[in-house]
Protein backbone atom coordinates (compact mmCIF):
# COMPACT_ATOMS: atom_id res chain seq x y z
CA UNK A 1 110.93 77.38 83.74
CA UNK A 2 112.80 75.86 86.61
CA UNK A 3 111.15 74.39 89.73
CA UNK A 4 112.88 74.50 93.12
CA UNK A 5 111.88 72.46 96.15
CA UNK A 6 112.29 73.39 99.82
CA UNK A 7 114.18 70.18 100.62
CA UNK A 8 115.17 66.76 99.27
CA UNK A 9 112.09 65.00 100.72
CA UNK A 10 109.74 67.42 98.98
CA UNK A 11 111.61 67.02 95.69
CA UNK A 12 111.39 63.23 96.01
CA UNK A 13 107.64 63.38 96.74
CA UNK A 14 106.84 65.61 93.76
CA UNK A 15 109.10 63.69 91.39
CA UNK A 16 107.63 60.25 92.24
CA UNK A 17 104.17 59.49 90.87
CA UNK A 18 103.56 56.61 93.30
CA UNK A 19 104.29 58.83 96.32
CA UNK A 20 102.07 61.59 94.94
CA UNK A 21 99.18 59.14 94.48
CA UNK A 22 99.64 57.87 98.03
CA UNK A 23 99.65 61.37 99.49
CA UNK A 24 97.09 63.21 97.34
CA UNK A 25 95.08 60.52 95.55
CA UNK A 26 95.17 59.46 91.90
CA UNK A 27 93.17 62.38 90.47
CA UNK A 28 95.19 65.08 92.21
CA UNK A 29 98.49 63.30 91.51
CA UNK A 30 97.70 63.25 87.80
CA UNK A 31 96.86 66.98 87.89
CA UNK A 32 100.02 67.80 89.90
CA UNK A 33 102.20 65.99 87.36
CA UNK A 34 100.49 67.85 84.49
CA UNK A 35 100.88 71.26 86.17
CA UNK A 36 104.54 70.61 86.99
CA UNK A 37 105.07 69.61 83.37
CA UNK A 38 103.35 72.85 82.27
CA UNK A 39 105.71 74.84 84.51
CA UNK A 40 108.81 73.09 83.14
CA UNK A 41 107.68 73.68 79.55
CA UNK A 42 106.96 77.38 80.10
CA UNK A 43 109.57 80.05 79.39
CA UNK A 44 108.12 82.25 82.14
CA UNK A 45 105.17 82.40 84.51
CA UNK A 46 103.35 84.51 81.91
CA UNK A 47 103.09 81.42 79.66
CA UNK A 48 100.91 79.70 82.28
CA UNK A 49 98.19 82.37 82.42
CA UNK A 50 96.03 80.83 79.68
CA UNK A 51 96.67 77.17 80.48
CA UNK A 52 94.23 74.97 82.43
CA UNK A 53 94.27 75.48 86.17
CA UNK A 54 93.36 79.17 86.29
CA UNK A 55 96.74 80.44 87.49
CA UNK A 56 96.29 83.43 89.79
CA UNK A 57 98.04 85.50 92.44
CA UNK A 58 97.08 84.99 96.06
CA UNK A 59 96.50 87.39 98.93
CA UNK A 60 96.40 87.11 102.70
CA UNK A 61 98.67 84.46 104.24
CA UNK A 62 99.84 83.46 100.75
CA UNK A 63 100.51 86.98 99.45
CA UNK A 64 103.27 86.80 96.83
CA UNK A 65 102.36 83.23 95.83
CA UNK A 66 100.65 81.92 92.72
CA UNK A 67 98.12 79.08 92.72
CA UNK A 68 96.37 76.88 90.17
CA UNK A 69 93.44 74.50 90.48
CA UNK A 70 94.17 70.77 90.62
CA UNK A 71 90.87 69.09 91.47
CA UNK A 72 87.97 70.11 93.65
CA UNK A 73 89.33 72.74 96.01
CA UNK A 74 92.95 71.49 95.93
CA UNK A 75 95.46 74.03 94.67
CA UNK A 76 99.12 73.82 93.70
CA UNK A 77 100.89 76.78 95.29
CA UNK A 78 104.21 78.15 94.04
CA UNK A 79 106.13 81.35 94.60
CA UNK A 80 108.68 83.17 92.46
CA UNK A 81 112.27 82.49 93.42
CA UNK A 82 113.77 85.35 95.43
CA UNK A 83 113.91 88.13 94.62
CA UNK A 84 110.54 88.26 92.88
CA UNK A 85 110.65 90.58 89.84
CA UNK A 86 108.20 93.44 90.24
CA UNK A 87 106.59 95.87 87.80
CA UNK A 88 106.89 99.63 88.42
CA UNK A 89 103.43 99.60 90.07
CA UNK A 90 104.64 96.98 92.59
CA UNK A 91 102.79 94.02 91.06
CA UNK A 92 104.48 90.76 90.16
CA UNK A 93 106.07 90.78 86.70
CA UNK A 94 104.94 87.39 85.40
CA UNK A 95 107.08 87.75 82.25
CA UNK A 96 110.27 87.94 84.34
CA UNK A 97 109.59 84.92 86.60
CA UNK A 98 111.66 82.01 85.26
CA UNK A 99 112.11 80.02 88.49
CA UNK A 100 109.45 79.08 91.02
CA UNK A 101 109.62 77.31 94.36
CA UNK A 102 106.93 74.77 95.16
CA UNK A 103 105.18 75.86 98.37
CA UNK A 104 102.40 73.35 98.92
CA UNK A 105 99.34 71.50 97.68
CA UNK A 106 96.28 72.22 99.78
CA UNK A 107 92.68 73.33 100.04
CA UNK A 108 93.02 76.86 101.43
CA UNK A 109 89.32 77.65 101.01
């Protein structure tokens, strides 16, 4: 799968291990790098469902986004590139999502 970033600064942060460690700490940086690697290796979002991190759809303010656990309560949040492919029932078609945009890393709990 392909990963898009909102801007050049965000891309630089998430593609530089030293900057990730400085911003999120060593444990979370290691998990972020692993999850980004998982995304890049996947053919579609569906391939991530059974991988570590408990990938799941979000509701509320993050409706339409997908999150996975990094460490503690920190979550990596991504969203399908526009337009998001939907199933006939209106749910997200994980098998059709081949590009995601990194939204944020945060504790939204």
